[in-house]
Amino acid sequence: MGYRVIVHDEVRQIAATLPKAALTSFNEALTVLELTPRNGELLNPAKPDGVWELLFHGGRGRLFYLIIEHAVEVHAVDAQHIG
């Protein structure tokens, strides 16, 4: 059983503007979060409950998320894409 991934509205809006290849990679990143959310990078190691980052689309995309262990959830809270 994996984590439940909750994609916040802001991230959905960003995903809706992605080119097809980037959207495919974004969806693959969401699958990674479901299975192994700690595959990303913790932005501030001093805050283990803080924001994580996972790159997608060859590093041109960044997905920011929180891991909520007690609820077994990952919340995708922001995304960026260059290109």
C-alpha atoms as a PDB file:
ATOM      1  CA  MET A   1       0.000   0.000   0.000  1.00  0.00           C
ATOM      2  CA  GLY A   2       1.339   3.384  -0.969  1.00  0.00           C
ATOM      3  CA  TYR A   3       0.787   6.930   0.108  1.00  0.00           C
ATOM      4  CA  ARG A   4      -2.362   8.789  -0.877  1.00  0.00           C
ATOM      5  CA  VAL A   5      -1.283  11.690  -3.104  1.00  0.00           C
ATOM      6  CA  ILE A   6      -3.354  14.853  -2.798  1.00  0.00           C
ATOM      7  CA  VAL A   7      -2.738  17.357  -5.576  1.00  0.00           C
ATOM      8  CA  HIS A   8      -3.715  20.861  -4.508  1.00  0.00           C
ATOM      9  CA  ASP A   9      -5.713  23.045  -6.892  1.00  0.00           C
ATOM     10  CA  GLU A  10      -2.772  25.338  -7.667  1.00  0.00           C
ATOM     11  CA  VAL A  11      -0.742  22.358  -8.815  1.00  0.00           C
ATOM     12  CA  ARG A  12      -3.640  21.068 -10.941  1.00  0.00           C
ATOM     13  CA  GLN A  13      -3.810  24.457 -12.650  1.00  0.00           C
ATOM     14  CA  ILE A  14      -0.083  24.365 -13.394  1.00  0.00           C
ATOM     15  CA  ALA A  15      -0.320  20.771 -14.669  1.00  0.00           C
ATOM     16  CA  ALA A  16      -3.104  21.798 -17.043  1.00  0.00           C
ATOM     17  CA  THR A  17      -0.694  24.161 -18.818  1.00  0.00           C
ATOM     18  CA  LEU A  18       2.142  21.646 -19.265  1.00  0.00           C
ATOM     19  CA  PRO A  19       3.122  20.393 -22.720  1.00  0.00           C
ATOM     20  CA  LYS A  20       2.298  16.727 -23.328  1.00  0.00           C
ATOM     21  CA  ALA A  21       5.798  15.358 -22.602  1.00  0.00           C
ATOM     22  CA  ALA A  22       6.044  17.368 -19.407  1.00  0.00           C
ATOM     23  CA  LEU A  23       2.581  16.241 -18.312  1.00  0.00           C
ATOM     24  CA  THR A  24       3.541  12.602 -18.829  1.00  0.00           C
ATOM     25  CA  SER A  25       6.655  13.128 -16.715  1.00  0.00           C
ATOM     26  CA  PHE A  26       4.615  15.018 -14.087  1.00  0.00           C
ATOM     27  CA  ASN A  27       2.193  12.074 -13.816  1.00  0.00           C
ATOM     28  CA  GLU A  28       5.145   9.703 -13.433  1.00  0.00           C
ATOM     29  CA  ALA A  29       6.434  11.928 -10.616  1.00  0.00           C
ATOM     30  CA  LEU A  30       3.068  11.603  -8.859  1.00  0.00           C
ATOM     31  CA  THR A  31       3.433   7.817  -9.051  1.00  0.00           C
ATOM     32  CA  VAL A  32       6.881   8.096  -7.479  1.00  0.00           C
ATOM     33  CA  LEU A  33       5.337  10.103  -4.634  1.00  0.00           C
ATOM     34  CA  GLU A  34       2.715   7.422  -4.120  1.00  0.00           C
ATOM     35  CA  LEU A  35       5.323   4.694  -3.806  1.00  0.00           C
ATOM     36  CA  THR A  36       8.516   6.320  -2.504  1.00  0.00           C
ATOM     37  CA  PRO A  37       7.998   9.965  -1.513  1.00  0.00           C
ATOM     38  CA  ARG A  38      11.422  10.170   0.122  1.00  0.00           C
ATOM     39  CA  ASN A  39      12.986   9.772  -3.329  1.00  0.00           C
ATOM     40  CA  GLY A  40      12.853  13.546  -3.537  1.00  0.00           C
ATOM     41  CA  GLU A  41      15.090  15.998  -1.734  1.00  0.00           C
ATOM     42  CA  LEU A  42      14.221  17.613   1.577  1.00  0.00           C
ATOM     43  CA  LEU A  43      14.750  21.336   0.990  1.00  0.00           C
ATOM     44  CA  ASN A  44      15.810  22.050   4.564  1.00  0.00           C
ATOM     45  CA  PRO A  45      17.331  19.027   6.324  1.00  0.00           C
ATOM     46  CA  ALA A  46      16.928  20.838   9.652  1.00  0.00           C
ATOM     47  CA  LYS A  47      13.139  20.569   9.178  1.00  0.00           C
ATOM     48  CA  PRO A  48      12.347  16.901   8.458  1.00  0.00           C
ATOM     49  CA  ASP A  49       8.612  17.696   8.355  1.00  0.00           C
ATOM     50  CA  GLY A  50       9.209  20.446   5.817  1.00  0.00           C
ATOM     51  CA  VAL A  51       8.874  20.784   2.069  1.00  0.00           C
ATOM     52  CA  TRP A  52      10.354  18.220  -0.296  1.00  0.00           C
ATOM     53  CA  GLU A  53      11.216  18.647  -3.974  1.00  0.00           C
ATOM     54  CA  LEU A  54      11.077  16.107  -6.796  1.00  0.00           C
ATOM     55  CA  LEU A  55      12.367  16.962 -10.262  1.00  0.00           C
ATOM     56  CA  PHE A  56      10.513  15.869 -13.382  1.00  0.00           C
ATOM     57  CA  HIS A  57      10.786  16.351 -17.151  1.00  0.00           C
ATOM     58  CA  GLY A  58      14.571  16.157 -17.221  1.00  0.00           C
ATOM     59  CA  GLY A  59      14.975  18.632 -14.389  1.00  0.00           C
ATOM     60  CA  ARG A  60      12.905  21.315 -16.121  1.00  0.00           C
ATOM     61  CA  GLY A  61      10.040  20.681 -13.723  1.00  0.00           C
ATOM     62  CA  ARG A  62       9.983  20.879  -9.937  1.00  0.00           C
ATOM     63  CA  LEU A  63       7.235  19.434  -7.751  1.00  0.00           C
ATOM     64  CA  PHE A  64       7.064  20.590  -4.135  1.00  0.00           C
ATOM     65  CA  TYR A  65       5.288  18.466  -1.550  1.00  0.00           C
ATOM     66  CA  LEU A  66       4.787  17.607   2.096  1.00  0.00           C
ATOM     67  CA  ILE A  67       4.823  14.101   3.550  1.00  0.00           C
ATOM     68  CA  ILE A  68       2.159  13.609   6.226  1.00  0.00           C
ATOM     69  CA  GLU A  69       3.277  10.344   7.835  1.00  0.00           C
ATOM     70  CA  HIS A  70       0.454   9.885  10.361  1.00  0.00           C
ATOM     71  CA  ALA A  71      -2.127  10.118   7.555  1.00  0.00           C
ATOM     72  CA  VAL A  72       0.035   8.232   5.013  1.00  0.00           C
ATOM     73  CA  GLU A  73      -0.446  11.136   2.593  1.00  0.00           C
ATOM     74  CA  VAL A  74       1.639  13.278   0.310  1.00  0.00           C
ATOM     75  CA  HIS A  75       0.380  16.772  -0.485  1.00  0.00           C
ATOM     76  CA  ALA A  76       1.623  18.260  -3.764  1.00  0.00           C
ATOM     77  CA  VAL A  77       1.511  21.968  -2.881  1.00  0.00           C
ATOM     78  CA  ASP A  78       3.372  23.688  -5.744  1.00  0.00           C
ATOM     79  CA  ALA A  79       5.024  23.025  -9.077  1.00  0.00           C
ATOM     80  CA  GLN A  80       7.207  24.897 -11.541  1.00  0.00           C
ATOM     81  CA  HIS A  81       8.154  24.152 -15.121  1.00  0.00           C
ATOM     82  CA  ILE A  82      10.566  25.931 -17.410  1.00  0.00           C
ATOM     83  CA  GLY A  83      10.083  25.468 -21.079  1.00  0.00           C
END
